[in-house]
């Protein structure tokens, strides 16, 4: 059994971790403050699903996303923290003005959800995975039929 003091410390750390992850969406993406990457991502950060490493890898993903959706607004809908993990549901809204998943821009607006799970250590994100409602977003952008064999990843690579 943990003491009240230990429980309060765990709560404090979890709330601080949620704030760090929120900065990714509110500052780095929506406010386009790319330098925030150095403050919130650990040097040994990994995002295995995209093969990204370090703050530079996270910054590259954001830059690519902003090139596709320069007016994007990521709004945190809810967050849950447990131990060193933070789950965040985000509402993503933006106009497609650049290539995304290897598809040409449509100048249409997409409004979709994403869920990210981040692991933190000493106040920095060390690992991330995310699920995006890509199919729904692509449909909103006017891509009604897709050849999945030709569809590229978010960096335009297969």
C-alpha atoms as a PDB file:
ATOM      1  CA  UNK A   1       0.000   0.000   0.000  1.00  0.00           C
ATOM      2  CA  UNK A   2       1.272   3.439  -0.885  1.00  0.00           C
ATOM      3  CA  UNK A   3       1.164   6.415   1.372  1.00  0.00           C
ATOM      4  CA  UNK A   4      -0.850   9.547   0.679  1.00  0.00           C
ATOM      5  CA  UNK A   5       2.408  11.404   0.028  1.00  0.00           C
ATOM      6  CA  UNK A   6       3.460   8.787  -2.563  1.00  0.00           C
ATOM      7  CA  UNK A   7       0.034   8.922  -4.228  1.00  0.00           C
ATOM      8  CA  UNK A   8       0.203  12.709  -4.471  1.00  0.00           C
ATOM      9  CA  UNK A   9       3.685  12.530  -5.989  1.00  0.00           C
ATOM     10  CA  UNK A  10       2.504   9.999  -8.605  1.00  0.00           C
ATOM     11  CA  UNK A  11      -0.445  12.246  -9.419  1.00  0.00           C
ATOM     12  CA  UNK A  12       1.844  15.278  -9.741  1.00  0.00           C
ATOM     13  CA  UNK A  13       4.157  13.408 -12.145  1.00  0.00           C
ATOM     14  CA  UNK A  14       1.254  12.125 -14.238  1.00  0.00           C
ATOM     15  CA  UNK A  15      -0.253  15.613 -14.542  1.00  0.00           C
ATOM     16  CA  UNK A  16       3.164  17.030 -15.494  1.00  0.00           C
ATOM     17  CA  UNK A  17       3.543  14.293 -18.130  1.00  0.00           C
ATOM     18  CA  UNK A  18       0.134  15.166 -19.605  1.00  0.00           C
ATOM     19  CA  UNK A  19       1.248  18.799 -19.918  1.00  0.00           C
ATOM     20  CA  UNK A  20       4.406  17.747 -21.781  1.00  0.00           C
ATOM     21  CA  UNK A  21       2.393  15.738 -24.312  1.00  0.00           C
ATOM     22  CA  UNK A  22      -0.169  18.535 -24.656  1.00  0.00           C
ATOM     23  CA  UNK A  23       2.691  20.834 -25.704  1.00  0.00           C
ATOM     24  CA  UNK A  24       3.277  18.619 -28.759  1.00  0.00           C
ATOM     25  CA  UNK A  25      -0.211  19.364 -30.047  1.00  0.00           C
ATOM     26  CA  UNK A  26      -0.806  22.892 -28.803  1.00  0.00           C
ATOM     27  CA  UNK A  27       2.628  24.449 -29.217  1.00  0.00           C
ATOM     28  CA  UNK A  28       4.631  22.382 -31.665  1.00  0.00           C
ATOM     29  CA  UNK A  29       1.848  21.584 -34.149  1.00  0.00           C
ATOM     30  CA  UNK A  30      -0.924  24.181 -33.778  1.00  0.00           C
ATOM     31  CA  UNK A  31       1.350  27.123 -32.902  1.00  0.00           C
ATOM     32  CA  UNK A  32       4.159  25.831 -35.175  1.00  0.00           C
ATOM     33  CA  UNK A  33       6.836  26.237 -32.502  1.00  0.00           C
ATOM     34  CA  UNK A  34       9.137  23.522 -33.847  1.00  0.00           C
ATOM     35  CA  UNK A  35      11.927  24.354 -31.392  1.00  0.00           C
ATOM     36  CA  UNK A  36       9.715  22.886 -28.652  1.00  0.00           C
ATOM     37  CA  UNK A  37      10.882  19.453 -29.897  1.00  0.00           C
ATOM     38  CA  UNK A  38      14.165  19.883 -28.036  1.00  0.00           C
ATOM     39  CA  UNK A  39      12.277  20.574 -24.797  1.00  0.00           C
ATOM     40  CA  UNK A  40       9.724  17.755 -24.891  1.00  0.00           C
ATOM     41  CA  UNK A  41      11.447  14.855 -26.708  1.00  0.00           C
ATOM     42  CA  UNK A  42      14.344  12.935 -25.158  1.00  0.00           C
ATOM     43  CA  UNK A  43      17.571  12.524 -27.120  1.00  0.00           C
ATOM     44  CA  UNK A  44      16.828   8.778 -27.339  1.00  0.00           C
ATOM     45  CA  UNK A  45      13.176   9.269 -28.396  1.00  0.00           C
ATOM     46  CA  UNK A  46      11.798   6.679 -30.836  1.00  0.00           C
ATOM     47  CA  UNK A  47       8.622   6.529 -32.919  1.00  0.00           C
ATOM     48  CA  UNK A  48       8.903   2.974 -34.272  1.00  0.00           C
ATOM     49  CA  UNK A  49       5.858   3.085 -36.550  1.00  0.00           C
ATOM     50  CA  UNK A  50       7.557   5.766 -38.678  1.00  0.00           C
ATOM     51  CA  UNK A  51      11.194   4.888 -37.928  1.00  0.00           C
ATOM     52  CA  UNK A  52      11.814   8.287 -36.306  1.00  0.00           C
ATOM     53  CA  UNK A  53      14.433   9.007 -33.654  1.00  0.00           C
ATOM     54  CA  UNK A  54      15.310  11.920 -31.408  1.00  0.00           C
ATOM     55  CA  UNK A  55      13.827  15.405 -31.342  1.00  0.00           C
ATOM     56  CA  UNK A  56      14.875  15.840 -34.994  1.00  0.00           C
ATOM     57  CA  UNK A  57      12.716  12.854 -36.008  1.00  0.00           C
ATOM     58  CA  UNK A  58       9.679  14.264 -34.206  1.00  0.00           C
ATOM     59  CA  UNK A  59      10.314  17.677 -35.763  1.00  0.00           C
ATOM     60  CA  UNK A  60      10.558  16.081 -39.246  1.00  0.00           C
ATOM     61  CA  UNK A  61       7.154  14.422 -38.774  1.00  0.00           C
ATOM     62  CA  UNK A  62       5.572  17.734 -37.695  1.00  0.00           C
ATOM     63  CA  UNK A  63       7.201  19.615 -40.582  1.00  0.00           C
ATOM     64  CA  UNK A  64       5.855  17.033 -43.046  1.00  0.00           C
ATOM     65  CA  UNK A  65       2.371  17.224 -41.555  1.00  0.00           C
ATOM     66  CA  UNK A  66       2.416  21.034 -41.591  1.00  0.00           C
ATOM     67  CA  UNK A  67       3.457  20.969 -45.253  1.00  0.00           C
ATOM     68  CA  UNK A  68       0.324  18.932 -45.995  1.00  0.00           C
ATOM     69  CA  UNK A  69      -1.944  20.918 -43.618  1.00  0.00           C
ATOM     70  CA  UNK A  70      -0.406  24.374 -43.035  1.00  0.00           C
ATOM     71  CA  UNK A  71      -3.461  25.645 -41.121  1.00  0.00           C
ATOM     72  CA  UNK A  72      -3.859  22.555 -38.948  1.00  0.00           C
ATOM     73  CA  UNK A  73      -5.402  22.908 -35.499  1.00  0.00           C
ATOM     74  CA  UNK A  74      -4.812  20.007 -33.105  1.00  0.00           C
ATOM     75  CA  UNK A  75      -7.150  20.199 -30.113  1.00  0.00           C
ATOM     76  CA  UNK A  76      -6.640  17.867 -27.165  1.00  0.00           C
ATOM     77  CA  UNK A  77     -10.012  16.287 -26.413  1.00  0.00           C
ATOM     78  CA  UNK A  78      -8.964  14.097 -23.498  1.00  0.00           C
ATOM     79  CA  UNK A  79      -5.933  12.621 -21.797  1.00  0.00           C
ATOM     80  CA  UNK A  80      -5.403   9.704 -19.455  1.00  0.00           C
ATOM     81  CA  UNK A  81      -2.158   9.118 -17.572  1.00  0.00           C
ATOM     82  CA  UNK A  82      -1.022   5.950 -15.837  1.00  0.00           C
ATOM     83  CA  UNK A  83       2.495   5.612 -14.524  1.00  0.00           C
ATOM     84  CA  UNK A  84       4.890   6.827 -17.209  1.00  0.00           C
ATOM     85  CA  UNK A  85       2.305   6.519 -20.018  1.00  0.00           C
ATOM     86  CA  UNK A  86      -0.047   9.188 -21.399  1.00  0.00           C
ATOM     87  CA  UNK A  87      -2.892   8.462 -23.839  1.00  0.00           C
ATOM     88  CA  UNK A  88      -4.240  11.486 -25.716  1.00  0.00           C
ATOM     89  CA  UNK A  89      -7.220  11.818 -28.057  1.00  0.00           C
ATOM     90  CA  UNK A  90      -6.893  14.735 -30.441  1.00  0.00           C
ATOM     91  CA  UNK A  91      -9.240  16.426 -32.891  1.00  0.00           C
ATOM     92  CA  UNK A  92      -7.305  17.343 -36.031  1.00  0.00           C
ATOM     93  CA  UNK A  93      -8.676  19.991 -38.418  1.00  0.00           C
ATOM     94  CA  UNK A  94      -6.892  21.415 -41.422  1.00  0.00           C
ATOM     95  CA  UNK A  95      -6.924  22.218 -45.118  1.00  0.00           C
ATOM     96  CA  UNK A  96      -4.922  19.899 -47.365  1.00  0.00           C
ATOM     97  CA  UNK A  97      -2.553  22.197 -49.273  1.00  0.00           C
ATOM     98  CA  UNK A  98       0.362  19.785 -49.817  1.00  0.00           C
ATOM     99  CA  UNK A  99       0.936  16.099 -50.640  1.00  0.00           C
ATOM    100  CA  UNK A 100      -0.132  13.626 -47.951  1.00  0.00           C
ATOM    101  CA  UNK A 101       0.365   9.860 -48.104  1.00  0.00           C
ATOM    102  CA  UNK A 102       1.684  10.350 -51.625  1.00  0.00           C
ATOM    103  CA  UNK A 103      -1.572  11.915 -52.804  1.00  0.00           C
ATOM    104  CA  UNK A 104      -1.848  15.389 -54.319  1.00  0.00           C
ATOM    105  CA  UNK A 105      -3.360  18.248 -52.303  1.00  0.00           C
ATOM    106  CA  UNK A 106      -7.107  18.795 -52.696  1.00  0.00           C
ATOM    107  CA  UNK A 107      -7.509  22.160 -50.940  1.00  0.00           C
ATOM    108  CA  UNK A 108     -10.327  20.571 -48.937  1.00  0.00           C
ATOM    109  CA  UNK A 109     -10.647  20.527 -45.174  1.00  0.00           C
ATOM    110  CA  UNK A 110     -10.450  17.380 -43.074  1.00  0.00           C
ATOM    111  CA  UNK A 111     -11.690  17.027 -39.494  1.00  0.00           C
ATOM    112  CA  UNK A 112     -10.650  13.728 -37.924  1.00  0.00           C
ATOM    113  CA  UNK A 113      -9.494  12.062 -34.709  1.00  0.00           C
ATOM    114  CA  UNK A 114      -6.137  10.673 -33.656  1.00  0.00           C
ATOM    115  CA  UNK A 115      -5.011   8.834 -30.536  1.00  0.00           C
ATOM    116  CA  UNK A 116      -1.440   8.849 -29.317  1.00  0.00           C
ATOM    117  CA  UNK A 117       0.219   6.872 -26.565  1.00  0.00           C
ATOM    118  CA  UNK A 118       3.428   8.339 -25.205  1.00  0.00           C
ATOM    119  CA  UNK A 119       5.920   7.004 -22.689  1.00  0.00           C
ATOM    120  CA  UNK A 120       7.842   9.599 -20.715  1.00  0.00           C
ATOM    121  CA  UNK A 121      10.995   9.566 -18.624  1.00  0.00           C
ATOM    122  CA  UNK A 122      12.162  12.479 -16.502  1.00  0.00           C
ATOM    123  CA  UNK A 123       9.651  14.850 -18.097  1.00  0.00           C
ATOM    124  CA  UNK A 124      10.422  14.035 -21.748  1.00  0.00           C
ATOM    125  CA  UNK A 125       8.769  11.814 -24.335  1.00  0.00           C
ATOM    126  CA  UNK A 126      10.904   8.737 -25.034  1.00  0.00           C
ATOM    127  CA  UNK A 127       8.502   6.666 -27.136  1.00  0.00           C
ATOM    128  CA  UNK A 128       5.330   7.328 -29.151  1.00  0.00           C
ATOM    129  CA  UNK A 129       2.752   5.464 -31.148  1.00  0.00           C
ATOM    130  CA  UNK A 130      -0.299   6.957 -32.786  1.00  0.00           C
ATOM    131  CA  UNK A 131      -3.420   5.883 -34.601  1.00  0.00           C
ATOM    132  CA  UNK A 132      -4.961   8.282 -37.106  1.00  0.00           C
ATOM    133  CA  UNK A 133      -8.338   7.972 -38.810  1.00  0.00           C
ATOM    134  CA  UNK A 134      -6.545   8.227 -42.154  1.00  0.00           C
ATOM    135  CA  UNK A 135      -9.285   6.578 -44.239  1.00  0.00           C
ATOM    136  CA  UNK A 136     -11.918   9.019 -42.989  1.00  0.00           C
ATOM    137  CA  UNK A 137      -9.603  11.983 -43.521  1.00  0.00           C
ATOM    138  CA  UNK A 138      -8.724  10.904 -47.065  1.00  0.00           C
ATOM    139  CA  UNK A 139     -12.414  10.493 -47.866  1.00  0.00           C
ATOM    140  CA  UNK A 140     -13.144  14.011 -46.557  1.00  0.00           C
ATOM    141  CA  UNK A 141     -10.346  15.280 -48.786  1.00  0.00           C
ATOM    142  CA  UNK A 142     -12.100  13.826 -51.834  1.00  0.00           C
ATOM    143  CA  UNK A 143     -10.105  10.620 -52.271  1.00  0.00           C
ATOM    144  CA  UNK A 144     -13.100   8.307 -52.656  1.00  0.00           C
ATOM    145  CA  UNK A 145     -11.246   5.354 -54.158  1.00  0.00           C
ATOM    146  CA  UNK A 146      -7.760   4.320 -53.170  1.00  0.00           C
ATOM    147  CA  UNK A 147      -5.303   1.844 -54.587  1.00  0.00           C
ATOM    148  CA  UNK A 148      -3.736   0.618 -51.361  1.00  0.00           C
ATOM    149  CA  UNK A 149      -0.818  -0.858 -53.309  1.00  0.00           C
ATOM    150  CA  UNK A 150       0.101   2.660 -54.454  1.00  0.00           C
ATOM    151  CA  UNK A 151      -0.706   4.538 -51.250  1.00  0.00           C
ATOM    152  CA  UNK A 152       2.481   5.879 -49.683  1.00  0.00           C
ATOM    153  CA  UNK A 153       3.244   6.452 -46.012  1.00  0.00           C
ATOM    154  CA  UNK A 154       2.980   9.894 -44.401  1.00  0.00           C
ATOM    155  CA  UNK A 155       6.434  10.813 -45.731  1.00  0.00           C
ATOM    156  CA  UNK A 156       5.437   9.899 -49.284  1.00  0.00           C
ATOM    157  CA  UNK A 157       7.437   6.632 -49.158  1.00  0.00           C
ATOM    158  CA  UNK A 158       6.139   3.095 -49.461  1.00  0.00           C
END
